[in-house]
Amino acid sequence: MSAWVFPTTADAGMRIYAPNLSTLMVDAALGVQAYLMSPSAELRIQQLLRQTGEWRVRANHSPHDRTMLFVAWLDEILYRNEVHQQWLTEVHLRVEESKEGLEIIAQVSWVDGSQIEREIEIKAVTTHELQVGEVEAGKTIMGGHEDVPDFVGPGWIANVVFDI
């Protein structure tokens, strides 16, 4: 996983680097889950029965916008945690583009979220400092935070801030 959490004024941010858009989405989802759970939950999660299924996500208000698809995907992860107690453990996805817009089609595994001890709560995915984009070969993106490394393209980068 290539996701780093960094502090902001009253929230928490996350920077993700990946070789392609699909991996960027996967690493962001797993990064959110890792940020939310307590250290003891990391051990417990391996003992829980997994369910599988397919999740489909679109950015309904901006169907052709990759950045808003990214936000919709993270919103879906949080929604399924909170409402359905579906704690994502593994995901394989692809981003499909059609005349209706972009859609994430994800094959997922999850466990009963009520069995996962959380260390923090994310209230919302914000658009503050939001960035999703492709990085050209040879271009360097500075980490910008103490624990976030620099990234040299080619690849993809995302930056997101959560309201906690």
Protein backbone atom coordinates (compact mmCIF):
# COMPACT_ATOMS: atom_id res chain seq x y z
CA MET A 1 0.00 0.00 0.00
CA SER A 2 1.28 3.46 -0.86
CA ALA A 3 -0.78 5.79 1.31
CA TRP A 4 0.49 8.21 3.96
CA VAL A 5 -1.62 10.08 6.51
CA PHE A 6 -0.52 13.60 7.44
CA PRO A 7 -1.93 16.16 9.89
CA THR A 8 -3.77 19.30 8.80
CA THR A 9 -5.20 22.12 10.91
CA ALA A 10 -8.24 20.29 12.34
CA ASP A 11 -8.48 17.34 10.02
CA ALA A 12 -6.32 14.56 8.59
CA GLY A 13 -4.99 14.26 5.07
CA MET A 14 -3.81 11.34 3.01
CA ARG A 15 -1.43 11.24 0.04
CA ILE A 16 -1.49 8.23 -2.29
CA TYR A 17 0.92 7.30 -5.07
CA ALA A 18 0.25 4.46 -7.51
CA PRO A 19 1.28 3.22 -10.95
CA ASN A 20 -2.27 3.53 -12.38
CA LEU A 21 -5.74 4.87 -11.56
CA SER A 22 -7.18 1.53 -10.42
CA THR A 23 -4.33 0.92 -7.97
CA LEU A 24 -4.69 4.50 -6.73
CA MET A 25 -8.34 3.79 -5.85
CA VAL A 26 -7.44 0.49 -4.13
CA ASP A 27 -4.61 2.03 -2.10
CA ALA A 28 -6.83 4.95 -1.06
CA ALA A 29 -9.56 2.59 0.17
CA LEU A 30 -7.12 0.42 2.11
CA GLY A 31 -5.37 3.52 3.45
CA VAL A 32 -8.66 4.83 4.86
CA GLN A 33 -9.36 1.49 6.50
CA ALA A 34 -5.86 1.33 8.03
CA TYR A 35 -6.24 4.87 9.36
CA LEU A 36 -9.60 4.13 11.01
CA MET A 37 -8.79 0.89 12.81
CA SER A 38 -6.97 0.40 16.09
CA PRO A 39 -3.71 -1.60 16.21
CA SER A 40 -5.50 -4.46 18.00
CA ALA A 41 -8.07 -4.61 15.20
CA GLU A 42 -5.29 -5.43 12.73
CA LEU A 43 -4.77 -8.73 14.54
CA ARG A 44 -8.50 -9.42 15.03
CA ILE A 45 -9.40 -8.85 11.38
CA GLN A 46 -7.44 -11.94 10.31
CA GLN A 47 -9.74 -14.14 12.42
CA LEU A 48 -13.05 -12.89 10.99
CA LEU A 49 -15.15 -14.57 8.32
CA ARG A 50 -15.03 -12.76 5.00
CA GLN A 51 -17.94 -12.00 2.69
CA THR A 52 -17.52 -11.15 -0.97
CA GLY A 53 -19.44 -9.17 -3.53
CA GLU A 54 -19.38 -6.51 -6.19
CA TRP A 55 -19.62 -2.80 -5.45
CA ARG A 56 -20.30 -0.27 -8.21
CA VAL A 57 -19.64 3.42 -7.70
CA ARG A 58 -20.32 6.48 -9.85
CA ALA A 59 -19.95 10.18 -9.19
CA ASN A 60 -23.57 11.03 -9.97
CA HIS A 61 -23.21 14.82 -10.07
CA SER A 62 -19.98 14.83 -12.12
CA PRO A 63 -20.04 11.49 -13.95
CA HIS A 64 -16.98 12.14 -16.16
CA ASP A 65 -14.72 13.60 -13.45
CA ARG A 66 -12.00 11.26 -12.08
CA THR A 67 -11.51 13.46 -9.03
CA MET A 68 -15.17 13.28 -8.04
CA LEU A 69 -15.18 9.53 -8.74
CA PHE A 70 -12.33 9.27 -6.23
CA VAL A 71 -14.42 11.17 -3.63
CA ALA A 72 -17.50 9.02 -4.38
CA TRP A 73 -15.39 5.87 -3.92
CA LEU A 74 -14.08 6.96 -0.52
CA ASP A 75 -17.58 8.08 0.49
CA GLU A 76 -18.82 4.59 -0.42
CA ILE A 77 -16.15 2.97 1.77
CA LEU A 78 -17.18 5.13 4.74
CA TYR A 79 -20.91 4.61 4.07
CA ARG A 80 -20.55 0.83 3.99
CA ASN A 81 -18.52 0.95 7.22
CA GLU A 82 -21.07 3.09 9.04
CA VAL A 83 -24.41 1.90 7.67
CA HIS A 84 -23.87 -1.71 6.60
CA GLN A 85 -20.98 -2.65 8.92
CA GLN A 86 -19.01 -3.86 5.88
CA TRP A 87 -15.33 -3.41 6.68
CA LEU A 88 -13.35 -3.67 3.44
CA THR A 89 -10.41 -6.06 3.63
CA GLU A 90 -9.51 -6.67 0.00
CA VAL A 91 -10.49 -5.14 -3.32
CA HIS A 92 -9.77 -5.62 -7.01
CA LEU A 93 -11.26 -2.99 -9.24
CA ARG A 94 -11.34 -1.41 -12.62
CA VAL A 95 -12.49 2.00 -13.74
CA GLU A 96 -14.73 1.85 -16.80
CA GLU A 97 -15.61 4.78 -19.00
CA SER A 98 -18.79 4.99 -21.06
CA LYS A 99 -20.92 7.76 -22.51
CA GLU A 100 -22.75 7.86 -19.13
CA GLY A 101 -19.47 8.53 -17.34
CA LEU A 102 -16.90 6.77 -15.20
CA GLU A 103 -17.75 3.83 -12.97
CA ILE A 104 -15.76 1.78 -10.50
CA ILE A 105 -16.56 -1.91 -10.63
CA ALA A 106 -15.00 -3.56 -7.60
CA GLN A 107 -14.78 -7.18 -6.47
CA VAL A 108 -14.55 -6.85 -2.71
CA SER A 109 -14.07 -8.86 0.45
CA TRP A 110 -15.29 -7.52 3.77
CA VAL A 111 -15.78 -8.56 7.37
CA ASP A 112 -18.39 -7.60 9.96
CA GLY A 113 -17.44 -4.03 10.80
CA SER A 114 -19.03 -4.23 14.24
CA GLN A 115 -16.15 -6.55 15.16
CA ILE A 116 -13.50 -3.96 14.25
CA GLU A 117 -12.32 -1.57 16.94
CA ARG A 118 -11.92 1.90 15.51
CA GLU A 119 -9.39 4.39 16.71
CA ILE A 120 -10.83 7.43 14.95
CA GLU A 121 -13.94 8.48 13.05
CA ILE A 122 -13.99 10.19 9.69
CA LYS A 123 -17.05 12.41 9.33
CA ALA A 124 -16.56 13.25 5.66
CA VAL A 125 -14.29 13.25 2.64
CA THR A 126 -13.66 16.91 1.78
CA THR A 127 -12.64 18.65 -1.42
CA HIS A 128 -10.14 20.81 0.50
CA GLU A 129 -6.68 20.27 -1.08
CA LEU A 130 -8.24 17.51 -3.20
CA GLN A 131 -6.03 16.36 -6.04
CA VAL A 132 -6.21 13.33 -8.33
CA GLY A 133 -4.03 13.20 -11.40
CA GLU A 134 -1.51 11.52 -13.59
CA VAL A 135 2.17 12.36 -13.18
CA GLU A 136 4.36 12.44 -16.29
CA ALA A 137 7.51 10.33 -16.53
CA GLY A 138 10.44 12.02 -14.82
CA LYS A 139 8.33 14.68 -13.07
CA THR A 140 8.89 14.89 -9.30
CA ILE A 141 6.06 15.55 -6.87
CA MET A 142 7.33 16.75 -3.51
CA GLY A 143 5.92 14.96 -0.45
CA GLY A 144 5.17 18.25 1.26
CA HIS A 145 4.87 16.69 4.72
CA GLU A 146 7.44 15.20 7.07
CA ASP A 147 6.39 11.56 6.67
CA VAL A 148 5.33 11.73 3.01
CA PRO A 149 8.05 10.82 0.49
CA ASP A 150 8.56 12.50 -2.86
CA PHE A 151 7.24 10.74 -5.95
CA VAL A 152 8.82 10.56 -9.40
CA GLY A 153 6.50 9.79 -12.32
CA PRO A 154 5.18 8.11 -14.26
CA GLY A 155 2.19 7.22 -12.14
CA TRP A 156 -0.79 8.67 -10.33
CA ILE A 157 -1.15 10.85 -7.24
CA ALA A 158 -4.07 11.67 -4.99
CA ASN A 159 -4.28 14.04 -2.08
CA VAL A 160 -7.38 14.15 0.12
CA VAL A 161 -8.36 15.70 3.44
CA PHE A 162 -10.85 14.09 5.82
CA ASP A 163 -13.08 15.90 8.29
CA ILE A 164 -12.55 14.09 11.61
